[in-house]
PDB file of N, CA and C in Angstrom:
ATOM      1  N   TYR A   1     104.612  78.254 118.426  1.00  0.00           N
ATOM      2  CA  TYR A   1     103.610  77.279 117.995  1.00  0.00           C
ATOM      3  C   TYR A   1     102.462  77.268 118.990  1.00  0.00           C
ATOM      4  N   ASP A   2     101.249  77.322 118.450  1.00  0.00           N
ATOM      5  CA  ASP A   2     100.042  77.244 119.266  1.00  0.00           C
ATOM      6  C   ASP A   2      99.238  76.049 118.758  1.00  0.00           C
ATOM      7  N   GLY A   3      99.213  74.986 119.525  1.00  0.00           N
ATOM      8  CA  GLY A   3      98.528  73.758 119.129  1.00  0.00           C
ATOM      9  C   GLY A   3      97.038  73.928 118.898  1.00  0.00           C
ATOM     10  N   LYS A   4      96.453  74.995 119.446  1.00  0.00           N
ATOM     11  CA  LYS A   4      95.028  75.248 119.236  1.00  0.00           C
ATOM     12  C   LYS A   4      94.774  76.010 117.936  1.00  0.00           C
ATOM     13  N   CYS A   5      95.823  76.541 117.328  1.00  0.00           N
ATOM     14  CA  CYS A   5      95.706  77.355 116.110  1.00  0.00           C
ATOM     15  C   CYS A   5      95.761  76.450 114.874  1.00  0.00           C
ATOM     16  N   VAL A   6      94.701  76.466 114.090  1.00  0.00           N
ATOM     17  CA  VAL A   6      94.645  75.604 112.908  1.00  0.00           C
ATOM     18  C   VAL A   6      95.745  75.965 111.904  1.00  0.00           C
ATOM     19  N   PHE A   7      96.105  77.245 111.784  1.00  0.00           N
ATOM     20  CA  PHE A   7      97.154  77.605 110.836  1.00  0.00           C
ATOM     21  C   PHE A   7      98.527  77.133 111.309  1.00  0.00           C
ATOM     22  N   CYS A   8      98.759  77.111 112.615  1.00  0.00           N
ATOM     23  CA  CYS A   8     100.011  76.545 113.142  1.00  0.00           C
ATOM     24  C   CYS A   8     100.078  75.051 112.799  1.00  0.00           C
ATOM     25  N   ARG A   9      98.963  74.361 112.973  1.00  0.00           N
ATOM     26  CA  ARG A   9      98.933  72.921 112.678  1.00  0.00           C
ATOM     27  C   ARG A   9      99.117  72.665 111.183  1.00  0.00           C
ATOM     28  N   ILE A  10      98.496  73.497 110.342  1.00  0.00           N
ATOM     29  CA  ILE A  10      98.673  73.345 108.895  1.00  0.00           C
ATOM     30  C   ILE A  10     100.141  73.569 108.530  1.00  0.00           C
ATOM     31  N   ALA A  11     100.748  74.611 109.088  1.00  0.00           N
ATOM     32  CA  ALA A  11     102.147  74.932 108.781  1.00  0.00           C
ATOM     33  C   ALA A  11     103.091  73.802 109.179  1.00  0.00           C
ATOM     34  N   ARG A  12     102.715  73.053 110.196  1.00  0.00           N
ATOM     35  CA  ARG A  12     103.546  71.919 110.648  1.00  0.00           C
ATOM     36  C   ARG A  12     103.107  70.603 110.023  1.00  0.00           C
ATOM     37  N   ARG A  13     102.230  70.696 109.032  1.00  0.00           N
ATOM     38  CA  ARG A  13     101.733  69.527 108.303  1.00  0.00           C
ATOM     39  C   ARG A  13     101.004  68.538 109.224  1.00  0.00           C
ATOM     40  N   GLU A  14     100.294  69.080 110.199  1.00  0.00           N
ATOM     41  CA  GLU A  14      99.535  68.256 111.137  1.00  0.00           C
ATOM     42  C   GLU A  14      98.053  68.186 110.777  1.00  0.00           C
ATOM     43  N   GLU A  15      97.676  68.827 109.675  1.00  0.00           N
ATOM     44  CA  GLU A  15      96.289  68.807 109.197  1.00  0.00           C
ATOM     45  C   GLU A  15      96.286  68.091 107.846  1.00  0.00           C
ATOM     46  N   PRO A  16      96.062  66.771 107.849  1.00  0.00           N
ATOM     47  CA  PRO A  16      96.183  66.005 106.607  1.00  0.00           C
ATOM     48  C   PRO A  16      95.220  66.435 105.504  1.00  0.00           C
ATOM     49  N   GLY A  17      94.126  67.110 105.845  1.00  0.00           N
ATOM     50  CA  GLY A  17      93.164  67.535 104.835  1.00  0.00           C
ATOM     51  C   GLY A  17      93.579  68.778 104.074  1.00  0.00           C
ATOM     52  N   THR A  18      94.664  69.420 104.470  1.00  0.00           N
ATOM     53  CA  THR A  18      95.102  70.658 103.812  1.00  0.00           C
ATOM     54  C   THR A  18      96.433  70.428 103.117  1.00  0.00           C
ATOM     55  N   ALA A  19      96.396  70.525 101.788  1.00  0.00           N
ATOM     56  CA  ALA A  19      97.622  70.349 101.004  1.00  0.00           C
ATOM     57  C   ALA A  19      98.364  71.676 100.919  1.00  0.00           C
ATOM     58  N   LEU A  20      99.651  71.640 101.238  1.00  0.00           N
ATOM     59  CA  LEU A  20     100.486  72.838 101.099  1.00  0.00           C
ATOM     60  C   LEU A  20     100.945  72.955  99.656  1.00  0.00           C
ATOM     61  N   LEU A  21     100.936  74.163  99.159  1.00  0.00           N
ATOM     62  CA  LEU A  21     101.406  74.423  97.802  1.00  0.00           C
ATOM     63  C   LEU A  21     102.905  74.714  97.850  1.00  0.00           C
ATOM     64  N   PRO A  22     103.617  74.440  96.762  1.00  0.00           N
ATOM     65  CA  PRO A  22     105.055  74.717  96.756  1.00  0.00           C
ATOM     66  C   PRO A  22     105.327  76.182  97.100  1.00  0.00           C
ATOM     67  N   CYS A  23     106.251  76.373  98.027  1.00  0.00           N
ATOM     68  CA  CYS A  23     106.577  77.712  98.513  1.00  0.00           C
ATOM     69  C   CYS A  23     108.085  77.788  98.661  1.00  0.00           C
ATOM     70  N   GLU A  24     108.686  78.813  98.083  1.00  0.00           N
ATOM     71  CA  GLU A  24     110.139  78.916  98.092  1.00  0.00           C
ATOM     72  C   GLU A  24     110.682  79.651  99.311  1.00  0.00           C
ATOM     73  N   ASP A  25     109.834  79.929 100.275  1.00  0.00           N
ATOM     74  CA  ASP A  25     110.261  80.615 101.497  1.00  0.00           C
ATOM     75  C   ASP A  25     109.997  79.673 102.660  1.00  0.00           C
ATOM     76  N   GLU A  26     111.044  79.233 103.326  1.00  0.00           N
ATOM     77  CA  GLU A  26     110.882  78.242 104.397  1.00  0.00           C
ATOM     78  C   GLU A  26     110.149  78.775 105.623  1.00  0.00           C
ATOM     79  N   ASP A  27     110.015  80.092 105.728  1.00  0.00           N
ATOM     80  CA  ASP A  27     109.315  80.680 106.871  1.00  0.00           C
ATOM     81  C   ASP A  27     107.826  80.891 106.603  1.00  0.00           C
ATOM     82  N   LEU A  28     107.383  80.542 105.384  1.00  0.00           N
ATOM     83  CA  LEU A  28     105.990  80.743 105.004  1.00  0.00           C
ATOM     84  C   LEU A  28     105.415  79.463 104.408  1.00  0.00           C
ATOM     85  N   VAL A  29     104.106  79.306 104.528  1.00  0.00           N
ATOM     86  CA  VAL A  29     103.402  78.232 103.833  1.00  0.00           C
ATOM     87  C   VAL A  29     102.248  78.864 103.051  1.00  0.00           C
ATOM     88  N   CYS A  30     101.779  78.145 102.060  1.00  0.00           N
ATOM     89  CA  CYS A  30     100.673  78.620 101.243  1.00  0.00           C
ATOM     90  C   CYS A  30      99.732  77.454 100.982  1.00  0.00           C
ATOM     91  N   PHE A  31      98.441  77.733 101.031  1.00  0.00           N
ATOM     92  CA  PHE A  31      97.431  76.708 100.758  1.00  0.00           C
ATOM     93  C   PHE A  31      96.166  77.384 100.265  1.00  0.00           C
ATOM     94  N   ARG A  32      95.271  76.586  99.706  1.00  0.00           N
ATOM     95  CA  ARG A  32      94.005  77.108  99.188  1.00  0.00           C
ATOM     96  C   ARG A  32      93.074  77.461 100.335  1.00  0.00           C
ATOM     97  N   ASP A  33      92.325  78.548 100.152  1.00  0.00           N
ATOM     98  CA  ASP A  33      91.308  78.942 101.127  1.00  0.00           C
ATOM     99  C   ASP A  33      90.160  77.936 101.051  1.00  0.00           C
ATOM    100  N   ILE A  34      89.610  77.542 102.204  1.00  0.00           N
ATOM    101  CA  ILE A  34      88.530  76.552 102.195  1.00  0.00           C
ATOM    102  C   ILE A  34      87.205  77.146 101.703  1.00  0.00           C
ATOM    103  N   LYS A  35      87.097  78.468 101.706  1.00  0.00           N
ATOM    104  CA  LYS A  35      85.905  79.149 101.174  1.00  0.00           C
ATOM    105  C   LYS A  35      86.359  80.153 100.123  1.00  0.00           C
ATOM    106  N   PRO A  36      86.721  79.665  98.941  1.00  0.00           N
ATOM    107  CA  PRO A  36      87.310  80.570  97.941  1.00  0.00           C
ATOM    108  C   PRO A  36      86.359  81.670  97.499  1.00  0.00           C
ATOM    109  N   GLY A  37      86.909  82.875  97.428  1.00  0.00           N
ATOM    110  CA  GLY A  37      86.151  84.030  96.973  1.00  0.00           C
ATOM    111  C   GLY A  37      86.433  84.357  95.520  1.00  0.00           C
ATOM    112  N   ALA A  38      87.345  83.620  94.893  1.00  0.00           N
ATOM    113  CA  ALA A  38      87.728  83.828  93.498  1.00  0.00           C
ATOM    114  C   ALA A  38      88.238  82.493  92.961  1.00  0.00           C
ATOM    115  N   PRO A  39      88.351  82.364  91.626  1.00  0.00           N
ATOM    116  CA  PRO A  39      88.880  81.112  91.071  1.00  0.00           C
ATOM    117  C   PRO A  39      90.228  80.702  91.680  1.00  0.00           C
ATOM    118  N   HIS A  40      91.080  81.680  91.953  1.00  0.00           N
ATOM    119  CA  HIS A  40      92.341  81.420  92.669  1.00  0.00           C
ATOM    120  C   HIS A  40      92.224  82.155  93.999  1.00  0.00           C
ATOM    121  N   HIS A  41      92.224  81.427  95.094  1.00  0.00           N
ATOM    122  CA  HIS A  41      92.170  82.060  96.414  1.00  0.00           C
ATOM    123  C   HIS A  41      93.087  81.267  97.333  1.00  0.00           C
ATOM    124  N   TYR A  42      94.213  81.876  97.659  1.00  0.00           N
ATOM    125  CA  TYR A  42      95.235  81.235  98.477  1.00  0.00           C
ATOM    126  C   TYR A  42      95.470  82.049  99.741  1.00  0.00           C
ATOM    127  N   LEU A  43      95.980  81.368 100.750  1.00  0.00           N
ATOM    128  CA  LEU A  43      96.396  82.026 101.984  1.00  0.00           C
ATOM    129  C   LEU A  43      97.894  81.826 102.131  1.00  0.00           C
ATOM    130  N   VAL A  44      98.604  82.900 102.421  1.00  0.00           N
ATOM    131  CA  VAL A  44     100.040  82.828 102.704  1.00  0.00           C
ATOM    132  C   VAL A  44     100.185  83.115 104.189  1.00  0.00           C
ATOM    133  N   VAL A  45     100.828  82.170 104.888  1.00  0.00           N
ATOM    134  CA  VAL A  45     100.836  82.166 106.350  1.00  0.00           C
ATOM    135  C   VAL A  45     102.260  81.969 106.868  1.00  0.00           C
ATOM    136  N   PRO A  46     102.699  82.770 107.833  1.00  0.00           N
ATOM    137  CA  PRO A  46     104.000  82.504 108.459  1.00  0.00           C
ATOM    138  C   PRO A  46     103.957  81.181 109.223  1.00  0.00           C
ATOM    139  N   VAL A  47     105.039  80.427 109.155  1.00  0.00           N
ATOM    140  CA  VAL A  47     105.118  79.177 109.913  1.00  0.00           C
ATOM    141  C   VAL A  47     105.085  79.486 111.409  1.00  0.00           C
ATOM    142  N   LYS A  48     105.824  80.509 111.809  1.00  0.00           N
ATOM    143  CA  LYS A  48     105.850  80.927 113.209  1.00  0.00           C
ATOM    144  C   LYS A  48     104.537  81.638 113.539  1.00  0.00           C
ATOM    145  N   HIS A  49     103.947  81.293 114.662  1.00  0.00           N
ATOM    146  CA  HIS A  49     102.671  81.909 115.039  1.00  0.00           C
ATOM    147  C   HIS A  49     102.850  83.405 115.257  1.00  0.00           C
ATOM    148  N   MET A  50     102.011  84.162 114.568  1.00  0.00           N
ATOM    149  CA  MET A  50     101.968  85.618 114.733  1.00  0.00           C
ATOM    150  C   MET A  50     100.514  85.993 114.909  1.00  0.00           C
ATOM    151  N   GLY A  51     100.265  87.045 115.629  1.00  0.00           N
ATOM    152  CA  GLY A  51      98.898  87.525 115.784  1.00  0.00           C
ATOM    153  C   GLY A  51      98.366  88.054 114.459  1.00  0.00           C
ATOM    154  N   ASN A  52      97.188  88.627 114.496  1.00  0.00           N
ATOM    155  CA  ASN A  52      96.571  89.145 113.280  1.00  0.00           C
ATOM    156  C   ASN A  52      97.302  90.392 112.777  1.00  0.00           C
ATOM    157  N   CYS A  53      96.792  90.984 111.719  1.00  0.00           N
ATOM    158  CA  CYS A  53      97.481  92.110 111.078  1.00  0.00           C
ATOM    159  C   CYS A  53      97.596  93.338 111.971  1.00  0.00           C
ATOM    160  N   LYS A  54      96.780  93.417 113.015  1.00  0.00           N
ATOM    161  CA  LYS A  54      96.866  94.555 113.932  1.00  0.00           C
ATOM    162  C   LYS A  54      98.182  94.542 114.719  1.00  0.00           C
ATOM    163  N   THR A  55      98.828  93.387 114.796  1.00  0.00           N
ATOM    164  CA  THR A  55     100.081  93.273 115.551  1.00  0.00           C
ATOM    165  C   THR A  55     101.298  93.632 114.696  1.00  0.00           C
ATOM    166  N   LEU A  56     101.091  93.885 113.400  1.00  0.00           N
ATOM    167  CA  LEU A  56     102.219  94.206 112.527  1.00  0.00           C
ATOM    168  C   LEU A  56     102.846  95.541 112.908  1.00  0.00           C
ATOM    169  N   LYS A  57     104.170  95.574 112.794  1.00  0.00           N
ATOM    170  CA  LYS A  57     104.933  96.782 113.081  1.00  0.00           C
ATOM    171  C   LYS A  57     105.858  97.063 111.893  1.00  0.00           C
ATOM    172  N   THR A  58     106.538  98.166 111.932  1.00  0.00           N
ATOM    173  CA  THR A  58     107.428  98.557 110.839  1.00  0.00           C
ATOM    174  C   THR A  58     108.426  97.456 110.504  1.00  0.00           C
ATOM    175  N   GLU A  59     108.935  96.772 111.519  1.00  0.00           N
ATOM    176  CA  GLU A  59     109.937  95.734 111.246  1.00  0.00           C
ATOM    177  C   GLU A  59     109.358  94.523 110.519  1.00  0.00           C
ATOM    178  N   HIS A  60     108.033  94.446 110.383  1.00  0.00           N
ATOM    179  CA  HIS A  60     107.401  93.330 109.675  1.00  0.00           C
ATOM    180  C   HIS A  60     107.215  93.610 108.185  1.00  0.00           C
ATOM    181  N   ILE A  61     107.592  94.796 107.724  1.00  0.00           N
ATOM    182  CA  ILE A  61     107.418  95.131 106.307  1.00  0.00           C
ATOM    183  C   ILE A  61     108.108  94.102 105.404  1.00  0.00           C
ATOM    184  N   PRO A  62     109.356  93.685 105.680  1.00  0.00           N
ATOM    185  CA  PRO A  62     109.971  92.666 104.816  1.00  0.00           C
ATOM    186  C   PRO A  62     109.171  91.349 104.794  1.00  0.00           C
ATOM    187  N   LEU A  63     108.601  90.962 105.924  1.00  0.00           N
ATOM    188  CA  LEU A  63     107.786  89.745 105.981  1.00  0.00           C
ATOM    189  C   LEU A  63     106.560  89.883 105.081  1.00  0.00           C
ATOM    190  N   VAL A  64     105.860  91.003 105.180  1.00  0.00           N
ATOM    191  CA  VAL A  64     104.660  91.212 104.359  1.00  0.00           C
ATOM    192  C   VAL A  64     105.039  91.224 102.876  1.00  0.00           C
ATOM    193  N   LYS A  65     106.163  91.841 102.535  1.00  0.00           N
ATOM    194  CA  LYS A  65     106.620  91.847 101.145  1.00  0.00           C
ATOM    195  C   LYS A  65     106.908  90.430 100.661  1.00  0.00           C
ATOM    196  N   ARG A  66     107.539  89.612 101.515  1.00  0.00           N
ATOM    197  CA  ARG A  66     107.801  88.211 101.155  1.00  0.00           C
ATOM    198  C   ARG A  66     106.486  87.448 100.990  1.00  0.00           C
ATOM    199  N   MET A  67     105.519  87.714 101.849  1.00  0.00           N
ATOM    200  CA  MET A  67     104.217  87.053 101.736  1.00  0.00           C
ATOM    201  C   MET A  67     103.578  87.396 100.383  1.00  0.00           C
ATOM    202  N   MET A  68     103.680  88.650  99.984  1.00  0.00           N
ATOM    203  CA  MET A  68     103.119  89.067  98.698  1.00  0.00           C
ATOM    204  C   MET A  68     103.860  88.406  97.532  1.00  0.00           C
ATOM    205  N   GLU A  69     105.168  88.299  97.629  1.00  0.00           N
ATOM    206  CA  GLU A  69     105.949  87.652  96.570  1.00  0.00           C
ATOM    207  C   GLU A  69     105.585  86.179  96.455  1.00  0.00           C
ATOM    208  N   VAL A  70     105.405  85.514  97.587  1.00  0.00           N
ATOM    209  CA  VAL A  70     104.980  84.109  97.567  1.00  0.00           C
ATOM    210  C   VAL A  70     103.606  83.997  96.915  1.00  0.00           C
ATOM    211  N   GLY A  71     102.706  84.897  97.259  1.00  0.00           N
ATOM    212  CA  GLY A  71     101.374  84.882  96.658  1.00  0.00           C
ATOM    213  C   GLY A  71     101.435  85.016  95.144  1.00  0.00           C
ATOM    214  N   LYS A  72     102.250  85.938  94.653  1.00  0.00           N
ATOM    215  CA  LYS A  72     102.399  86.126  93.209  1.00  0.00           C
ATOM    216  C   LYS A  72     103.000  84.881  92.556  1.00  0.00           C
ATOM    217  N   ALA A  73     104.004  84.306  93.204  1.00  0.00           N
ATOM    218  CA  ALA A  73     104.657  83.110  92.651  1.00  0.00           C
ATOM    219  C   ALA A  73     103.675  81.942  92.575  1.00  0.00           C
ATOM    220  N   VAL A  74     102.844  81.776  93.587  1.00  0.00           N
ATOM    221  CA  VAL A  74     101.864  80.680  93.582  1.00  0.00           C
ATOM    222  C   VAL A  74     100.852  80.898  92.460  1.00  0.00           C
ATOM    223  N   LEU A  75     100.417  82.133  92.261  1.00  0.00           N
ATOM    224  CA  LEU A  75      99.502  82.414  91.151  1.00  0.00           C
ATOM    225  C   LEU A  75     100.139  82.025  89.818  1.00  0.00           C
ATOM    226  N   GLN A  76     101.388  82.422  89.630  1.00  0.00           N
ATOM    227  CA  GLN A  76     102.070  82.131  88.375  1.00  0.00           C
ATOM    228  C   GLN A  76     102.256  80.628  88.179  1.00  0.00           C
ATOM    229  N   LYS A  77     102.561  79.914  89.258  1.00  0.00           N
ATOM    230  CA  LYS A  77     102.713  78.453  89.164  1.00  0.00           C
ATOM    231  C   LYS A  77     101.388  77.774  88.847  1.00  0.00           C
ATOM    232  N   ASN A  78     100.291  78.462  89.131  1.00  0.00           N
ATOM    233  CA  ASN A  78      98.965  77.918  88.849  1.00  0.00           C
ATOM    234  C   ASN A  78      98.361  78.570  87.603  1.00  0.00           C
ATOM    235  N   ASN A  79      99.249  78.995  86.696  1.00  0.00           N
ATOM    236  CA  ASN A  79      98.886  79.500  85.375  1.00  0.00           C
ATOM    237  C   ASN A  79      98.034  80.762  85.400  1.00  0.00           C
ATOM    238  N   PHE A  80      98.250  81.611  86.395  1.00  0.00           N
ATOM    239  CA  PHE A  80      97.603  82.913  86.403  1.00  0.00           C
ATOM    240  C   PHE A  80      98.707  83.952  86.280  1.00  0.00           C
ATOM    241  N   SER A  81      98.683  84.708  85.200  1.00  0.00           N
ATOM    242  CA  SER A  81      99.810  85.603  84.933  1.00  0.00           C
ATOM    243  C   SER A  81      99.463  87.088  84.975  1.00  0.00           C
ATOM    244  N   ASP A  82      98.166  87.459  85.004  1.00  0.00           N
ATOM    245  CA  ASP A  82      97.794  88.877  84.992  1.00  0.00           C
ATOM    246  C   ASP A  82      97.863  89.438  86.412  1.00  0.00           C
ATOM    247  N   LEU A  83      99.051  89.836  86.829  1.00  0.00           N
ATOM    248  CA  LEU A  83      99.240  90.298  88.203  1.00  0.00           C
ATOM    249  C   LEU A  83      98.632  91.675  88.452  1.00  0.00           C
ATOM    250  N   ASN A  84      98.029  92.278  87.418  1.00  0.00           N
ATOM    251  CA  ASN A  84      97.279  93.521  87.605  1.00  0.00           C
ATOM    252  C   ASN A  84      95.834  93.240  88.011  1.00  0.00           C
ATOM    253  N   ASP A  85      95.437  91.973  87.974  1.00  0.00           N
ATOM    254  CA  ASP A  85      94.065  91.584  88.307  1.00  0.00           C
ATOM    255  C   ASP A  85      94.063  90.699  89.554  1.00  0.00           C
ATOM    256  N   VAL A  86      94.798  91.149  90.570  1.00  0.00           N
ATOM    257  CA  VAL A  86      94.965  90.386  91.815  1.00  0.00           C
ATOM    258  C   VAL A  86      94.571  91.274  92.985  1.00  0.00           C
ATOM    259  N   ARG A  87      93.974  90.683  93.987  1.00  0.00           N
ATOM    260  CA  ARG A  87      93.697  91.410  95.231  1.00  0.00           C
ATOM    261  C   ARG A  87      94.390  90.652  96.358  1.00  0.00           C
ATOM    262  N   MET A  88      95.171  91.376  97.146  1.00  0.00           N
ATOM    263  CA  MET A  88      95.838  90.796  98.309  1.00  0.00           C
ATOM    264  C   MET A  88      95.539  91.671  99.513  1.00  0.00           C
ATOM    265  N   GLY A  89      95.325  91.023 100.655  1.00  0.00           N
ATOM    266  CA  GLY A  89      95.080  91.811 101.848  1.00  0.00           C
ATOM    267  C   GLY A  89      94.804  90.971 103.069  1.00  0.00           C
ATOM    268  N   PHE A  90      94.560  91.686 104.166  1.00  0.00           N
ATOM    269  CA  PHE A  90      94.298  91.082 105.469  1.00  0.00           C
ATOM    270  C   PHE A  90      92.936  91.540 105.972  1.00  0.00           C
ATOM    271  N   HIS A  91      92.213  90.639 106.621  1.00  0.00           N
ATOM    272  CA  HIS A  91      90.982  91.058 107.299  1.00  0.00           C
ATOM    273  C   HIS A  91      91.373  91.711 108.623  1.00  0.00           C
ATOM    274  N   TRP A  92      90.760  92.845 108.902  1.00  0.00           N
ATOM    275  CA  TRP A  92      91.022  93.626 110.102  1.00  0.00           C
ATOM    276  C   TRP A  92      90.170  93.085 111.237  1.00  0.00           C
ATOM    277  N   PRO A  93      90.756  92.855 112.413  1.00  0.00           N
ATOM    278  CA  PRO A  93      89.964  92.381 113.553  1.00  0.00           C
ATOM    279  C   PRO A  93      88.829  93.348 113.853  1.00  0.00           C
ATOM    280  N   PRO A  94      87.685  92.865 114.217  1.00  0.00           N
ATOM    281  CA  PRO A  94      87.334  91.475 114.558  1.00  0.00           C
ATOM    282  C   PRO A  94      86.841  90.667 113.370  1.00  0.00           C
ATOM    283  N   PHE A  95      87.165  91.071 112.144  1.00  0.00           N
ATOM    284  CA  PHE A  95      86.638  90.410 110.954  1.00  0.00           C
ATOM    285  C   PHE A  95      87.518  89.276 110.436  1.00  0.00           C
ATOM    286  N   CYS A  96      88.517  88.866 111.209  1.00  0.00           N
ATOM    287  CA  CYS A  96      89.327  87.719 110.804  1.00  0.00           C
ATOM    288  C   CYS A  96      88.950  86.542 111.702  1.00  0.00           C
ATOM    289  N   SER A  97      88.725  85.403 111.078  1.00  0.00           N
ATOM    290  CA  SER A  97      88.237  84.245 111.826  1.00  0.00           C
ATOM    291  C   SER A  97      89.366  83.468 112.504  1.00  0.00           C
ATOM    292  N   ILE A  98      90.589  83.605 112.030  1.00  0.00           N
ATOM    293  CA  ILE A  98      91.741  82.908 112.608  1.00  0.00           C
ATOM    294  C   ILE A  98      92.736  83.973 113.071  1.00  0.00           C
ATOM    295  N   ALA A  99      93.141  83.898 114.341  1.00  0.00           N
ATOM    296  CA  ALA A  99      94.047  84.904 114.915  1.00  0.00           C
ATOM    297  C   ALA A  99      95.512  84.539 114.677  1.00  0.00           C
ATOM    298  N   HIS A 100      95.832  84.198 113.445  1.00  0.00           N
ATOM    299  CA  HIS A 100      97.200  83.917 113.003  1.00  0.00           C
ATOM    300  C   HIS A 100      97.334  84.672 111.689  1.00  0.00           C
ATOM    301  N   LEU A 101      98.348  85.499 111.573  1.00  0.00           N
ATOM    302  CA  LEU A 101      98.524  86.336 110.397  1.00  0.00           C
ATOM    303  C   LEU A 101      98.379  85.508 109.120  1.00  0.00           C
ATOM    304  N   HIS A 102      97.549  85.977 108.189  1.00  0.00           N
ATOM    305  CA  HIS A 102      97.403  85.315 106.903  1.00  0.00           C
ATOM    306  C   HIS A 102      96.998  86.324 105.833  1.00  0.00           C
ATOM    307  N   LEU A 103      97.696  86.244 104.714  1.00  0.00           N
ATOM    308  CA  LEU A 103      97.456  87.116 103.580  1.00  0.00           C
ATOM    309  C   LEU A 103      96.536  86.405 102.605  1.00  0.00           C
ATOM    310  N   HIS A 104      95.421  87.048 102.260  1.00  0.00           N
ATOM    311  CA  HIS A 104      94.532  86.520 101.228  1.00  0.00           C
ATOM    312  C   HIS A 104      95.076  86.937  99.868  1.00  0.00           C
ATOM    313  N   VAL A 105      95.142  85.985  98.947  1.00  0.00           N
ATOM    314  CA  VAL A 105      95.583  86.232  97.580  1.00  0.00           C
ATOM    315  C   VAL A 105      94.440  85.763  96.681  1.00  0.00           C
ATOM    316  N   LEU A 106      93.775  86.707  96.026  1.00  0.00           N
ATOM    317  CA  LEU A 106      92.612  86.382  95.201  1.00  0.00           C
ATOM    318  C   LEU A 106      92.834  86.829  93.760  1.00  0.00           C
ATOM    319  N   ALA A 107      92.466  85.946  92.810  1.00  0.00           N
ATOM    320  CA  ALA A 107      92.598  86.291  91.400  1.00  0.00           C
ATOM    321  C   ALA A 107      91.653  85.420  90.568  1.00  0.00           C
ATOM    322  N   PRO A 108      91.169  85.907  89.472  1.00  0.00           N
ATOM    323  CA  PRO A 108      91.220  87.299  89.068  1.00  0.00           C
ATOM    324  C   PRO A 108      90.256  88.143  89.893  1.00  0.00           C
ATOM    325  N   ALA A 109      90.720  89.294  90.315  1.00  0.00           N
ATOM    326  CA  ALA A 109      89.892  90.194  91.126  1.00  0.00           C
ATOM    327  C   ALA A 109      88.667  90.654  90.343  1.00  0.00           C
ATOM    328  N   SER A 110      88.801  90.719  89.026  1.00  0.00           N
ATOM    329  CA  SER A 110      87.680  91.145  88.182  1.00  0.00           C
ATOM    330  C   SER A 110      86.534  90.131  88.188  1.00  0.00           C
ATOM    331  N   GLN A 111      86.800  88.912  88.666  1.00  0.00           N
ATOM    332  CA  GLN A 111      85.764  87.876  88.696  1.00  0.00           C
ATOM    333  C   GLN A 111      85.235  87.601  90.099  1.00  0.00           C
ATOM    334  N   LEU A 112      85.536  88.476  91.059  1.00  0.00           N
ATOM    335  CA  LEU A 112      84.986  88.290  92.396  1.00  0.00           C
ATOM    336  C   LEU A 112      83.465  88.391  92.307  1.00  0.00           C
ATOM    337  N   GLY A 113      82.781  87.478  92.998  1.00  0.00           N
ATOM    338  CA  GLY A 113      81.325  87.533  93.034  1.00  0.00           C
ATOM    339  C   GLY A 113      80.850  88.697  93.891  1.00  0.00           C
ATOM    340  N   PHE A 114      79.545  88.894  93.920  1.00  0.00           N
ATOM    341  CA  PHE A 114      78.959  90.021  94.643  1.00  0.00           C
ATOM    342  C   PHE A 114      79.402  90.051  96.107  1.00  0.00           C
ATOM    343  N   LEU A 115      79.225  88.933  96.818  1.00  0.00           N
ATOM    344  CA  LEU A 115      79.595  88.906  98.242  1.00  0.00           C
ATOM    345  C   LEU A 115      81.100  89.037  98.428  1.00  0.00           C
ATOM    346  N   SER A 116      81.862  88.423  97.558  1.00  0.00           N
ATOM    347  CA  SER A 116      83.322  88.518  97.670  1.00  0.00           C
ATOM    348  C   SER A 116      83.809  89.941  97.441  1.00  0.00           C
ATOM    349  N   ARG A 117      83.141  90.674  96.536  1.00  0.00           N
ATOM    350  CA  ARG A 117      83.527  92.078  96.315  1.00  0.00           C
ATOM    351  C   ARG A 117      83.313  92.899  97.575  1.00  0.00           C
ATOM    352  N   ILE A 118      82.318  92.535  98.367  1.00  0.00           N
ATOM    353  CA  ILE A 118      82.077  93.221  99.641  1.00  0.00           C
ATOM    354  C   ILE A 118      83.078  92.739 100.692  1.00  0.00           C
ATOM    355  N   TYR A 119      83.210  91.422 100.801  1.00  0.00           N
ATOM    356  CA  TYR A 119      84.045  90.819 101.834  1.00  0.00           C
ATOM    357  C   TYR A 119      85.524  91.182 101.670  1.00  0.00           C
ATOM    358  N   TYR A 120      85.960  91.325 100.414  1.00  0.00           N
ATOM    359  CA  TYR A 120      87.363  91.649 100.121  1.00  0.00           C
ATOM    360  C   TYR A 120      87.475  93.037  99.488  1.00  0.00           C
ATOM    361  N   LYS A 121      86.657  93.970  99.944  1.00  0.00           N
ATOM    362  CA  LYS A 121      86.633  95.331  99.403  1.00  0.00           C
ATOM    363  C   LYS A 121      87.934  96.056  99.766  1.00  0.00           C
ATOM    364  N   ILE A 122      88.550  96.663  98.779  1.00  0.00           N
ATOM    365  CA  ILE A 122      89.845  97.329  98.955  1.00  0.00           C
ATOM    366  C   ILE A 122      89.766  98.395 100.051  1.00  0.00           C
ATOM    367  N   ASN A 123      90.683  98.286 100.995  1.00  0.00           N
ATOM    368  CA  ASN A 123      90.844  99.254 102.089  1.00  0.00           C
ATOM    369  C   ASN A 123      89.533  99.666 102.743  1.00  0.00           C
ATOM    370  N   SER A 124      88.711  98.670 103.011  1.00  0.00           N
ATOM    371  CA  SER A 124      87.460  98.906 103.714  1.00  0.00           C
ATOM    372  C   SER A 124      87.719  98.847 105.221  1.00  0.00           C
ATOM    373  N   TYR A 125      86.687  98.991 105.972  1.00  0.00           N
ATOM    374  CA  TYR A 125      86.793  98.934 107.424  1.00  0.00           C
ATOM    375  C   TYR A 125      87.240  97.547 107.877  1.00  0.00           C
ATOM    376  N   TRP A 126      86.998  96.532 107.061  1.00  0.00           N
ATOM    377  CA  TRP A 126      87.264  95.144 107.470  1.00  0.00           C
ATOM    378  C   TRP A 126      88.362  94.450 106.670  1.00  0.00           C
ATOM    379  N   PHE A 127      88.836  95.043 105.571  1.00  0.00           N
ATOM    380  CA  PHE A 127      89.851  94.386 104.732  1.00  0.00           C
ATOM    381  C   PHE A 127      90.849  95.424 104.264  1.00  0.00           C
ATOM    382  N   ILE A 128      92.121  95.230 104.614  1.00  0.00           N
ATOM    383  CA  ILE A 128      93.150  96.187 104.208  1.00  0.00           C
ATOM    384  C   ILE A 128      94.085  95.555 103.181  1.00  0.00           C
ATOM    385  N   THR A 129      94.395  96.327 102.167  1.00  0.00           N
ATOM    386  CA  THR A 129      95.259  95.819 101.108  1.00  0.00           C
ATOM    387  C   THR A 129      96.633  96.470 101.209  1.00  0.00           C
TER     388      THR A 129
END
């Protein structure tokens, strides 16, 4: 836990302005992005503080898979069912504003605005899917 990290505080329910969405994985939390890039834009975040995506190693593959499953489940619970029209990924440092691992879940990807298509561009220098 890092008390200076806003995502750590959100995960511990210490940020009253951020509502957590139902999540079936006790090691993860999910909430809406404060600057949505799509009609559905959620962040899936480990409760335990982890560095950004550059710190991921092979042993983190199950965690990333669980994060993706949570993202899909949250979309479905929010009446979005076309899982072929979803973009998920991580901003690559130094392009991530919070140094706590977080997966962006955006849908429908076909409705991303001009800037969002750039900001969340598939496998770009700054965003990896």
